[in-house]
Amino acid sequence: MSCPENFKYTKTHEWANLEAGKTRVGISDYAQKEISDVVFVELPKVGQDVEQGKSMCVIESVKAAFDIYAPVTGKVIAVNSQLDTQPETVNDDPFEQGWLVDIEMSDPSQLDQLMDWEAYQTHIQQAAKETQA
């Protein structure tokens, strides 16, 4: 089982996990709770180029549609096709079965620009305080 504490995170709540030469990407547990009940996931095509910080796919929930941003630049080498028929998997298991895409990174040093688990937890807490203010 992958451990979210070892993943890297973006300020927009995507996670990235380097494994076996590819970067697996999904959204955090915090993000799936904010999005609420996922009803559709529009994934990019295998072979599509994605750019760090740019929209790469869309998740639709009962609330709205949400852009999901690429945490790294590269080429999509796999997508989680299970989400075509079971989009709720993103809610049920965002760090394992609910992953979105695998990316072959063009610049592995981009992972160093992302937050570790501790920094991400601080980011979430600060965002919650700002929302309450």
C-alpha atoms as a PDB file:
ATOM      1  CA  MET A   1       0.000   0.000   0.000  1.00  0.00           C
ATOM      2  CA  SER A   2       1.218   3.486  -0.847  1.00  0.00           C
ATOM      3  CA  CYS A   3       1.670   5.835   2.053  1.00  0.00           C
ATOM      4  CA  PRO A   4       0.291   9.382   1.591  1.00  0.00           C
ATOM      5  CA  GLU A   5       2.929  10.644   4.026  1.00  0.00           C
ATOM      6  CA  ASN A   6       5.564   9.841   1.370  1.00  0.00           C
ATOM      7  CA  PHE A   7       3.744  11.611  -1.466  1.00  0.00           C
ATOM      8  CA  LYS A   8       4.323  15.152  -2.698  1.00  0.00           C
ATOM      9  CA  TYR A   9       1.457  17.674  -2.802  1.00  0.00           C
ATOM     10  CA  THR A  10       0.405  20.813  -4.635  1.00  0.00           C
ATOM     11  CA  LYS A  11      -1.354  23.852  -3.205  1.00  0.00           C
ATOM     12  CA  THR A  12      -4.343  22.848  -5.355  1.00  0.00           C
ATOM     13  CA  HIS A  13      -4.547  19.472  -3.537  1.00  0.00           C
ATOM     14  CA  GLU A  14      -3.163  17.050  -6.126  1.00  0.00           C
ATOM     15  CA  TRP A  15      -0.685  14.407  -4.995  1.00  0.00           C
ATOM     16  CA  ALA A  16       2.256  12.900  -6.871  1.00  0.00           C
ATOM     17  CA  ASN A  17       4.025   9.659  -6.034  1.00  0.00           C
ATOM     18  CA  LEU A  18       7.154   8.559  -7.869  1.00  0.00           C
ATOM     19  CA  GLU A  19       7.094   4.781  -8.309  1.00  0.00           C
ATOM     20  CA  ALA A  20       8.948   2.565 -10.758  1.00  0.00           C
ATOM     21  CA  GLY A  21      10.067   5.473 -12.943  1.00  0.00           C
ATOM     22  CA  LYS A  22       6.615   7.020 -13.337  1.00  0.00           C
ATOM     23  CA  THR A  23       4.698   9.567 -11.334  1.00  0.00           C
ATOM     24  CA  ARG A  24       1.238   8.473 -10.242  1.00  0.00           C
ATOM     25  CA  VAL A  25      -1.150  11.387  -9.662  1.00  0.00           C
ATOM     26  CA  GLY A  26      -4.426  11.807  -7.812  1.00  0.00           C
ATOM     27  CA  ILE A  27      -6.235  14.193  -5.520  1.00  0.00           C
ATOM     28  CA  SER A  28      -5.872  14.321  -1.759  1.00  0.00           C
ATOM     29  CA  ASP A  29      -8.386  13.130   0.779  1.00  0.00           C
ATOM     30  CA  TYR A  30      -8.965  16.781   1.673  1.00  0.00           C
ATOM     31  CA  ALA A  31      -9.783  17.569  -1.980  1.00  0.00           C
ATOM     32  CA  GLN A  32     -12.196  14.684  -2.429  1.00  0.00           C
ATOM     33  CA  LYS A  33     -14.074  15.781   0.689  1.00  0.00           C
ATOM     34  CA  GLU A  34     -14.286  19.351  -0.601  1.00  0.00           C
ATOM     35  CA  ILE A  35     -15.433  18.194  -4.039  1.00  0.00           C
ATOM     36  CA  SER A  36     -17.987  15.829  -2.438  1.00  0.00           C
ATOM     37  CA  ASP A  37     -19.735  13.057  -4.361  1.00  0.00           C
ATOM     38  CA  VAL A  38     -17.818  12.477  -7.607  1.00  0.00           C
ATOM     39  CA  VAL A  39     -20.119  11.543 -10.489  1.00  0.00           C
ATOM     40  CA  PHE A  40     -17.798  11.818 -13.508  1.00  0.00           C
ATOM     41  CA  VAL A  41     -14.068  12.012 -14.231  1.00  0.00           C
ATOM     42  CA  GLU A  42     -12.830  13.345 -17.575  1.00  0.00           C
ATOM     43  CA  LEU A  43      -9.291  11.998 -17.862  1.00  0.00           C
ATOM     44  CA  PRO A  44      -6.678  13.082 -20.396  1.00  0.00           C
ATOM     45  CA  LYS A  45      -5.735  10.748 -23.245  1.00  0.00           C
ATOM     46  CA  VAL A  46      -2.719   8.449 -22.994  1.00  0.00           C
ATOM     47  CA  GLY A  47       0.083  10.189 -24.875  1.00  0.00           C
ATOM     48  CA  GLN A  48      -1.168  13.672 -24.019  1.00  0.00           C
ATOM     49  CA  ASP A  49       1.421  16.168 -22.816  1.00  0.00           C
ATOM     50  CA  VAL A  50       0.660  17.897 -19.518  1.00  0.00           C
ATOM     51  CA  GLU A  51       2.314  20.939 -18.002  1.00  0.00           C
ATOM     52  CA  GLN A  52       2.954  21.561 -14.328  1.00  0.00           C
ATOM     53  CA  GLY A  53       0.282  23.839 -12.879  1.00  0.00           C
ATOM     54  CA  LYS A  54      -2.006  23.581 -15.925  1.00  0.00           C
ATOM     55  CA  SER A  55      -5.370  21.811 -16.041  1.00  0.00           C
ATOM     56  CA  MET A  56      -5.051  18.173 -17.127  1.00  0.00           C
ATOM     57  CA  CYS A  57      -8.510  16.773 -16.360  1.00  0.00           C
ATOM     58  CA  VAL A  58     -11.890  17.556 -14.826  1.00  0.00           C
ATOM     59  CA  ILE A  59     -13.732  15.958 -11.934  1.00  0.00           C
ATOM     60  CA  GLU A  60     -17.470  16.541 -11.740  1.00  0.00           C
ATOM     61  CA  SER A  61     -19.404  16.168  -8.521  1.00  0.00           C
ATOM     62  CA  VAL A  62     -22.939  16.792  -7.441  1.00  0.00           C
ATOM     63  CA  LYS A  63     -21.724  20.323  -6.547  1.00  0.00           C
ATOM     64  CA  ALA A  64     -19.770  21.452  -9.628  1.00  0.00           C
ATOM     65  CA  ALA A  65     -16.952  20.654 -12.048  1.00  0.00           C
ATOM     66  CA  PHE A  66     -13.371  21.034 -10.822  1.00  0.00           C
ATOM     67  CA  ASP A  67     -10.176  21.376 -12.854  1.00  0.00           C
ATOM     68  CA  ILE A  68      -7.376  19.088 -11.718  1.00  0.00           C
ATOM     69  CA  TYR A  69      -3.874  20.411 -12.331  1.00  0.00           C
ATOM     70  CA  ALA A  70      -0.749  18.518 -13.324  1.00  0.00           C
ATOM     71  CA  PRO A  71       1.763  18.473 -10.459  1.00  0.00           C
ATOM     72  CA  VAL A  72       4.598  17.817 -12.945  1.00  0.00           C
ATOM     73  CA  THR A  73       5.288  18.294 -16.643  1.00  0.00           C
ATOM     74  CA  GLY A  74       5.422  15.239 -18.876  1.00  0.00           C
ATOM     75  CA  LYS A  75       3.473  12.749 -20.940  1.00  0.00           C
ATOM     76  CA  VAL A  76       0.449  10.797 -19.714  1.00  0.00           C
ATOM     77  CA  ILE A  77       1.426   7.127 -19.984  1.00  0.00           C
ATOM     78  CA  ALA A  78      -1.611   5.573 -18.253  1.00  0.00           C
ATOM     79  CA  VAL A  79      -5.058   6.569 -17.012  1.00  0.00           C
ATOM     80  CA  ASN A  80      -7.258   4.912 -14.418  1.00  0.00           C
ATOM     81  CA  SER A  81      -9.996   3.620 -16.715  1.00  0.00           C
ATOM     82  CA  GLN A  82     -11.843   2.156 -13.703  1.00  0.00           C
ATOM     83  CA  LEU A  83     -13.029   5.732 -13.078  1.00  0.00           C
ATOM     84  CA  ASP A  84     -15.050   5.649 -16.318  1.00  0.00           C
ATOM     85  CA  THR A  85     -17.585   3.345 -14.689  1.00  0.00           C
ATOM     86  CA  GLN A  86     -16.794   3.918 -10.996  1.00  0.00           C
ATOM     87  CA  PRO A  87     -15.965   7.625 -10.527  1.00  0.00           C
ATOM     88  CA  GLU A  88     -16.926   7.387  -6.845  1.00  0.00           C
ATOM     89  CA  THR A  89     -13.655   5.496  -6.316  1.00  0.00           C
ATOM     90  CA  VAL A  90     -12.002   8.933  -6.095  1.00  0.00           C
ATOM     91  CA  ASN A  91     -14.055   9.534  -2.929  1.00  0.00           C
ATOM     92  CA  ASP A  92     -13.725   6.026  -1.544  1.00  0.00           C
ATOM     93  CA  ASP A  93      -9.963   5.581  -1.963  1.00  0.00           C
ATOM     94  CA  PRO A  94      -8.193   8.716  -3.271  1.00  0.00           C
ATOM     95  CA  PHE A  95      -4.664   7.462  -2.552  1.00  0.00           C
ATOM     96  CA  GLU A  96      -4.921   3.935  -3.964  1.00  0.00           C
ATOM     97  CA  GLN A  97      -7.720   2.814  -6.284  1.00  0.00           C
ATOM     98  CA  GLY A  98      -8.825   6.406  -7.013  1.00  0.00           C
ATOM     99  CA  TRP A  99      -5.597   7.528  -8.701  1.00  0.00           C
ATOM    100  CA  LEU A 100      -6.052   9.510 -11.926  1.00  0.00           C
ATOM    101  CA  VAL A 101      -3.022   9.245 -14.228  1.00  0.00           C
ATOM    102  CA  ASP A 102       0.563   8.097 -14.518  1.00  0.00           C
ATOM    103  CA  ILE A 103       2.969  10.670 -15.960  1.00  0.00           C
ATOM    104  CA  GLU A 104       6.404  10.155 -17.446  1.00  0.00           C
ATOM    105  CA  MET A 105       8.101  13.306 -16.167  1.00  0.00           C
ATOM    106  CA  SER A 106      10.200  15.447 -18.432  1.00  0.00           C
ATOM    107  CA  ASP A 107      11.915  17.124 -15.447  1.00  0.00           C
ATOM    108  CA  PRO A 108      12.100  14.983 -12.273  1.00  0.00           C
ATOM    109  CA  SER A 109      13.414  17.959 -10.275  1.00  0.00           C
ATOM    110  CA  GLN A 110       9.866  19.380 -10.363  1.00  0.00           C
ATOM    111  CA  LEU A 111       8.961  16.977  -7.554  1.00  0.00           C
ATOM    112  CA  ASP A 112      11.298  18.993  -5.329  1.00  0.00           C
ATOM    113  CA  GLN A 113       9.042  22.042  -5.845  1.00  0.00           C
ATOM    114  CA  LEU A 114       6.060  20.256  -4.291  1.00  0.00           C
ATOM    115  CA  MET A 115       5.153  20.084  -0.606  1.00  0.00           C
ATOM    116  CA  ASP A 116       5.866  17.127   1.611  1.00  0.00           C
ATOM    117  CA  TRP A 117       3.157  15.717   3.904  1.00  0.00           C
ATOM    118  CA  GLU A 118       3.972  18.023   6.813  1.00  0.00           C
ATOM    119  CA  ALA A 119       4.003  21.177   4.679  1.00  0.00           C
ATOM    120  CA  TYR A 120       0.750  20.086   3.026  1.00  0.00           C
ATOM    121  CA  GLN A 121      -0.954  19.597   6.400  1.00  0.00           C
ATOM    122  CA  THR A 122       0.139  23.114   7.389  1.00  0.00           C
ATOM    123  CA  HIS A 123      -1.207  24.427   4.069  1.00  0.00           C
ATOM    124  CA  ILE A 124      -4.617  22.810   4.716  1.00  0.00           C
ATOM    125  CA  GLN A 125      -4.783  24.244   8.233  1.00  0.00           C
ATOM    126  CA  GLN A 126      -3.912  27.739   6.997  1.00  0.00           C
ATOM    127  CA  ALA A 127      -6.515  27.509   4.230  1.00  0.00           C
ATOM    128  CA  ALA A 128      -9.150  26.447   6.772  1.00  0.00           C
ATOM    129  CA  LYS A 129      -8.301  29.426   9.009  1.00  0.00           C
ATOM    130  CA  GLU A 130      -8.569  31.829   6.059  1.00  0.00           C
ATOM    131  CA  THR A 131     -11.956  30.377   5.125  1.00  0.00           C
ATOM    132  CA  GLN A 132     -13.242  30.891   8.673  1.00  0.00           C
ATOM    133  CA  ALA A 133     -11.953  34.472   8.859  1.00  0.00           C
END
